[in-house]
């Protein structure tokens, strides 16, 4: 399987590794930027319109000033060129990072969106529902803020990074983060859904989760299919008492959770949801 030998940086495909930023870079200093993780499958980005909408909404929220050529078509073409250069013709994970350049916290040199794109090959198992359920738990050393920026995938990812390290140390597959009220926000790389009495619940964006593309897709799909889906508050007690729990992101679609702490979960509805709402995306 081919590794990632090349990356795209501000209009050029470069051989990795390359030094791309200076010590004065605002993204390095302050986390002044954001990223988008996408799945390349069958010659295209899965859910590309949703990804591009979130990307350009984030550009606007973070007050970048893109030039006229900086369009969705430009970014998607750059991804296609890089996937081809890296020979990731089947499945690939694509990471688009956008960051501001040099400057202090009050004096950015400019607001140009520097563009970095990387791709890595994916195993075919990424197109299947996981057979072995995930083992997760709640991480309490970090609190996920619920504010104007919490729904964005910014480069300020410290809480998630520490939760991921903790999960690995505890031999867990992922960790749940809580918001300041002690309610469920999301997981380190995924949104959280629970099933209770046949109802599907996920934290509302006001609760602090990242506004996941797969989350948005599933909310639309499940409502159209007649499921009772609700966005709102999920307490840790509700999480532990749920009948089913699953995580969603752009790479896997859905991953079912077998256990959280001492609570164990079934996987009946999860299989149906994957088959009807996720598997068609990867075919």
Protein backbone atom coordinates (compact mmCIF):
# COMPACT_ATOMS: atom_id res chain seq x y z
CA UNK A 1 0.00 0.00 0.00
CA UNK A 2 1.40 3.39 -1.00
CA UNK A 3 2.33 5.83 1.76
CA UNK A 4 1.95 9.61 1.61
CA UNK A 5 5.06 10.78 -0.24
CA UNK A 6 3.73 14.17 -1.30
CA UNK A 7 1.68 17.02 0.12
CA UNK A 8 0.01 20.11 -1.29
CA UNK A 9 0.98 23.51 0.10
CA UNK A 10 -0.30 26.83 -1.26
CA UNK A 11 -0.53 25.76 -4.88
CA UNK A 12 2.46 23.40 -5.01
CA UNK A 13 2.85 19.65 -4.61
CA UNK A 14 5.95 19.04 -2.51
CA UNK A 15 7.81 15.94 -1.46
CA UNK A 16 7.48 15.21 2.26
CA UNK A 17 8.86 16.10 4.70
CA UNK A 18 9.11 19.85 4.15
CA UNK A 19 9.43 22.73 6.62
CA UNK A 20 6.35 24.78 5.87
CA UNK A 21 5.92 27.25 8.74
CA UNK A 22 8.14 29.65 10.66
CA UNK A 23 8.45 29.86 14.46
CA UNK A 24 6.28 33.01 14.25
CA UNK A 25 3.37 31.23 12.63
CA UNK A 26 0.07 32.08 14.35
CA UNK A 27 -1.34 28.58 13.89
CA UNK A 28 1.70 27.12 15.64
CA UNK A 29 1.65 29.77 18.37
CA UNK A 30 -2.07 30.15 19.00
CA UNK A 31 -3.93 27.42 17.12
CA UNK A 32 -5.10 30.07 14.63
CA UNK A 33 -6.51 27.81 11.95
CA UNK A 34 -8.72 24.81 11.35
CA UNK A 35 -8.87 21.51 9.50
CA UNK A 36 -11.26 19.30 7.60
CA UNK A 37 -10.95 15.50 7.50
CA UNK A 38 -12.55 13.82 4.49
CA UNK A 39 -12.81 10.40 2.89
CA UNK A 40 -11.76 9.75 -0.69
CA UNK A 41 -13.73 6.85 -2.13
CA UNK A 42 -14.42 5.77 -5.70
CA UNK A 43 -12.73 8.80 -7.21
CA UNK A 44 -14.36 11.51 -5.14
CA UNK A 45 -14.77 13.04 -1.70
CA UNK A 46 -17.67 11.51 0.22
CA UNK A 47 -20.24 14.20 1.12
CA UNK A 48 -18.12 16.84 -0.60
CA UNK A 49 -20.84 19.56 -0.60
CA UNK A 50 -21.25 19.28 3.17
CA UNK A 51 -17.49 19.41 3.72
CA UNK A 52 -17.06 22.44 1.46
CA UNK A 53 -19.97 24.25 3.10
CA UNK A 54 -18.45 23.72 6.56
CA UNK A 55 -14.99 24.71 5.34
CA UNK A 56 -16.11 28.01 3.85
CA UNK A 57 -18.41 28.77 6.79
CA UNK A 58 -15.42 28.30 9.09
CA UNK A 59 -13.29 30.56 6.89
CA UNK A 60 -15.88 33.27 7.36
CA UNK A 61 -16.30 32.73 11.10
CA UNK A 62 -12.53 32.90 11.69
CA UNK A 63 -12.27 36.08 9.57
CA UNK A 64 -9.95 34.77 6.87
CA UNK A 65 -9.85 36.74 3.63
CA UNK A 66 -9.54 34.24 0.77
CA UNK A 67 -8.51 35.45 -2.71
CA UNK A 68 -10.88 35.01 -5.63
CA UNK A 69 -9.26 31.76 -6.81
CA UNK A 70 -9.77 30.13 -3.41
CA UNK A 71 -12.97 28.23 -4.21
CA UNK A 72 -14.42 24.80 -3.49
CA UNK A 73 -13.51 23.75 -7.03
CA UNK A 74 -9.89 24.83 -6.46
CA UNK A 75 -9.62 22.81 -3.23
CA UNK A 76 -11.31 19.71 -4.66
CA UNK A 77 -9.04 19.80 -7.73
CA UNK A 78 -5.98 20.10 -5.48
CA UNK A 79 -7.17 17.07 -3.51
CA UNK A 80 -7.67 15.07 -6.69
CA UNK A 81 -4.19 16.01 -7.94
CA UNK A 82 -2.57 15.02 -4.66
CA UNK A 83 -4.45 11.71 -4.38
CA UNK A 84 -3.22 10.88 -7.88
CA UNK A 85 0.35 11.91 -7.07
CA UNK A 86 0.37 9.77 -3.93
CA UNK A 87 -1.24 6.89 -5.85
CA UNK A 88 -4.09 6.60 -3.37
CA UNK A 89 -6.55 5.51 -6.03
CA UNK A 90 -8.81 3.46 -3.78
CA UNK A 91 -9.64 4.64 -0.30
CA UNK A 92 -7.83 7.55 1.29
CA UNK A 93 -8.06 9.87 4.26
CA UNK A 94 -7.70 13.50 3.27
CA UNK A 95 -6.77 16.24 5.73
CA UNK A 96 -7.15 19.86 4.65
CA UNK A 97 -5.53 22.33 7.04
CA UNK A 98 -6.06 26.07 6.69
CA UNK A 99 -4.01 28.44 8.80
CA UNK A 100 -3.07 32.08 9.17
CA UNK A 101 0.53 33.14 8.63
CA UNK A 102 3.03 34.93 10.85
CA UNK A 103 2.34 37.57 13.49
CA UNK A 104 1.70 38.26 17.13
CA UNK A 105 -1.68 37.79 18.72
CA UNK A 106 -2.71 41.41 17.94
CA UNK A 107 -0.87 41.92 14.67
CA UNK A 108 -1.36 39.22 12.06
CA UNK A 109 0.59 40.08 8.92
CA UNK A 110 -2.51 39.29 6.85
CA UNK A 111 -5.56 37.04 6.80
CA UNK A 112 -4.65 34.92 3.79
CA UNK A 113 -5.77 31.27 4.21
CA UNK A 114 -2.66 29.14 3.76
CA UNK A 115 -3.73 25.73 2.43
CA UNK A 116 -2.11 22.42 3.33
CA UNK A 117 -3.49 19.11 2.03
CA UNK A 118 -2.30 15.63 3.02
CA UNK A 119 -3.55 12.18 2.05
CA UNK A 120 -3.03 8.69 3.48
CA UNK A 121 -4.25 5.29 2.27
CA UNK A 122 -7.13 3.60 4.06
CA UNK A 123 -7.80 -0.08 4.59
CA UNK A 124 -10.95 -1.60 3.08
CA UNK A 125 -12.19 -2.20 6.63
CA UNK A 126 -12.99 1.52 6.74
CA UNK A 127 -15.92 0.72 4.44
CA UNK A 128 -17.50 -1.70 6.91
CA UNK A 129 -19.23 -1.48 10.24
CA UNK A 130 -16.83 -2.56 12.98
CA UNK A 131 -17.47 -6.17 14.05
CA UNK A 132 -15.86 -5.69 17.47
CA UNK A 133 -17.63 -3.00 19.45
CA UNK A 134 -15.63 -0.08 20.80
CA UNK A 135 -14.66 0.19 24.45
CA UNK A 136 -14.85 3.82 25.61
CA UNK A 137 -15.13 5.85 28.79
CA UNK A 138 -15.61 9.43 29.99
CA UNK A 139 -12.52 11.67 30.22
CA UNK A 140 -12.89 14.26 32.98
CA UNK A 141 -9.55 16.08 33.01
CA UNK A 142 -10.58 18.39 30.15
CA UNK A 143 -13.80 20.31 29.56
CA UNK A 144 -15.13 21.00 26.07
CA UNK A 145 -16.34 24.59 25.91
CA UNK A 146 -19.73 25.31 24.40
CA UNK A 147 -19.35 28.64 22.63
CA UNK A 148 -19.31 30.28 19.21
CA UNK A 149 -16.21 28.33 18.18
CA UNK A 150 -16.81 24.92 19.78
CA UNK A 151 -18.59 23.55 16.70
CA UNK A 152 -15.52 24.27 14.52
CA UNK A 153 -12.61 21.88 13.93
CA UNK A 154 -9.95 24.36 14.96
CA UNK A 155 -6.23 23.71 15.37
CA UNK A 156 -6.66 24.28 19.11
CA UNK A 157 -7.19 20.57 19.82
CA UNK A 158 -5.44 20.14 23.15
CA UNK A 159 -8.37 18.74 25.13
CA UNK A 160 -9.04 16.09 22.50
CA UNK A 161 -5.34 15.25 22.21
CA UNK A 162 -5.04 14.69 25.96
CA UNK A 163 -8.23 12.62 25.98
CA UNK A 164 -6.85 10.47 23.17
CA UNK A 165 -3.59 9.91 25.09
CA UNK A 166 -5.59 8.95 28.17
CA UNK A 167 -7.76 6.55 26.18
CA UNK A 168 -4.67 4.83 24.78
CA UNK A 169 -3.16 4.53 28.26
CA UNK A 170 -6.42 2.98 29.52
CA UNK A 171 -6.54 0.57 26.54
CA UNK A 172 -9.74 2.20 25.28
CA UNK A 173 -10.78 2.90 21.70
CA UNK A 174 -12.01 6.45 22.36
CA UNK A 175 -12.95 8.89 25.10
CA UNK A 176 -16.02 11.04 25.75
CA UNK A 177 -15.59 14.71 26.62
CA UNK A 178 -18.01 16.69 28.76
CA UNK A 179 -19.06 20.34 28.53
CA UNK A 180 -18.95 22.80 31.47
CA UNK A 181 -22.36 21.58 32.69
CA UNK A 182 -21.09 17.99 32.82
CA UNK A 183 -23.19 16.92 29.82
CA UNK A 184 -21.92 14.88 26.87
CA UNK A 185 -20.22 16.99 24.18
CA UNK A 186 -18.53 14.53 21.82
CA UNK A 187 -15.65 12.05 21.53
CA UNK A 188 -12.05 12.73 20.52
CA UNK A 189 -12.64 12.19 16.80
CA UNK A 190 -16.37 11.61 16.56
CA UNK A 191 -19.87 12.72 17.42
CA UNK A 192 -21.92 10.70 19.91
CA UNK A 193 -25.37 9.19 19.39
CA UNK A 194 -27.36 7.14 21.88
CA UNK A 195 -30.50 5.03 21.50
CA UNK A 196 -33.03 5.06 24.33
CA UNK A 197 -36.49 3.46 24.12
CA UNK A 198 -36.28 3.52 20.34
CA UNK A 199 -35.39 7.24 20.23
CA UNK A 200 -32.06 8.42 18.78
CA UNK A 201 -30.39 11.32 20.60
CA UNK A 202 -27.25 13.35 19.96
CA UNK A 203 -25.88 16.43 21.73
CA UNK A 204 -27.16 19.71 20.27
CA UNK A 205 -24.52 22.05 18.85
CA UNK A 206 -25.21 24.34 21.82
CA UNK A 207 -23.78 21.55 24.01
CA UNK A 208 -20.31 21.96 22.50
CA UNK A 209 -19.78 19.16 19.95
CA UNK A 210 -18.03 19.68 16.64
CA UNK A 211 -20.58 20.12 13.86
CA UNK A 212 -19.68 16.84 12.17
CA UNK A 213 -20.45 16.29 8.51
CA UNK A 214 -21.51 12.66 9.09
CA UNK A 215 -23.60 13.85 12.04
CA UNK A 216 -25.41 16.29 9.76
CA UNK A 217 -25.89 13.65 7.07
CA UNK A 218 -27.33 11.14 9.53
CA UNK A 219 -29.70 13.64 11.13
CA UNK A 220 -31.14 14.43 7.69
CA UNK A 221 -31.30 10.79 6.57
CA UNK A 222 -32.84 9.40 9.73
CA UNK A 223 -35.53 12.07 9.89
CA UNK A 224 -36.43 11.34 6.27
CA UNK A 225 -36.65 7.64 7.11
CA UNK A 226 -39.11 8.33 9.90
CA UNK A 227 -36.89 7.77 12.92
CA UNK A 228 -37.45 9.83 16.04
CA UNK A 229 -34.20 11.80 16.20
CA UNK A 230 -33.54 14.54 18.72
CA UNK A 231 -30.72 17.01 19.33
CA UNK A 232 -30.45 18.12 22.94
CA UNK A 233 -28.84 17.48 26.31
CA UNK A 234 -27.39 14.05 27.07
CA UNK A 235 -26.29 13.40 30.64
CA UNK A 236 -23.70 10.83 31.63
CA UNK A 237 -26.52 8.86 33.28
CA UNK A 238 -28.40 8.74 29.98
CA UNK A 239 -25.25 7.60 28.20
CA UNK A 240 -24.68 4.78 30.68
CA UNK A 241 -28.35 3.70 30.65
CA UNK A 242 -28.78 3.73 26.85
CA UNK A 243 -29.58 0.55 24.96
CA UNK A 244 -27.20 1.39 22.10
CA UNK A 245 -24.40 3.90 21.57
CA UNK A 246 -22.57 4.74 18.36
CA UNK A 247 -19.98 7.25 17.19
CA UNK A 248 -19.92 8.97 13.81
CA UNK A 249 -17.26 10.62 11.69
CA UNK A 250 -16.42 11.16 8.03
CA UNK A 251 -13.96 8.26 7.76
CA UNK A 252 -15.88 5.36 9.32
CA UNK A 253 -19.41 6.66 9.05
CA UNK A 254 -20.73 4.80 12.10
CA UNK A 255 -18.85 2.78 14.72
CA UNK A 256 -20.86 0.95 17.33
CA UNK A 257 -19.86 1.06 20.98
CA UNK A 258 -19.87 -2.17 22.97
CA UNK A 259 -19.01 -0.73 26.38
CA UNK A 260 -18.64 2.54 28.27
CA UNK A 261 -17.32 2.08 31.78
CA UNK A 262 -19.32 -0.84 33.17
CA UNK A 263 -22.28 -0.32 30.81
CA UNK A 264 -22.65 -2.64 27.83
CA UNK A 265 -24.67 -1.99 24.69
CA UNK A 266 -26.40 -3.94 21.94
CA UNK A 267 -25.95 -3.31 18.22
CA UNK A 268 -29.34 -4.01 16.69
CA UNK A 269 -30.44 -0.62 15.36
CA UNK A 270 -26.85 0.37 14.61
CA UNK A 271 -26.55 -2.33 11.95
CA UNK A 272 -29.73 -1.14 10.25
CA UNK A 273 -28.66 2.51 10.34
CA UNK A 274 -25.28 1.67 8.85
CA UNK A 275 -26.80 -0.40 6.06
CA UNK A 276 -29.41 2.18 5.06
CA UNK A 277 -27.64 5.51 5.67
CA UNK A 278 -23.88 4.98 5.53
CA UNK A 279 -22.99 1.97 3.38
CA UNK A 280 -24.51 3.55 0.22
CA UNK A 281 -22.05 6.45 0.57
CA UNK A 282 -19.09 4.09 0.25
CA UNK A 283 -20.29 2.02 -2.70
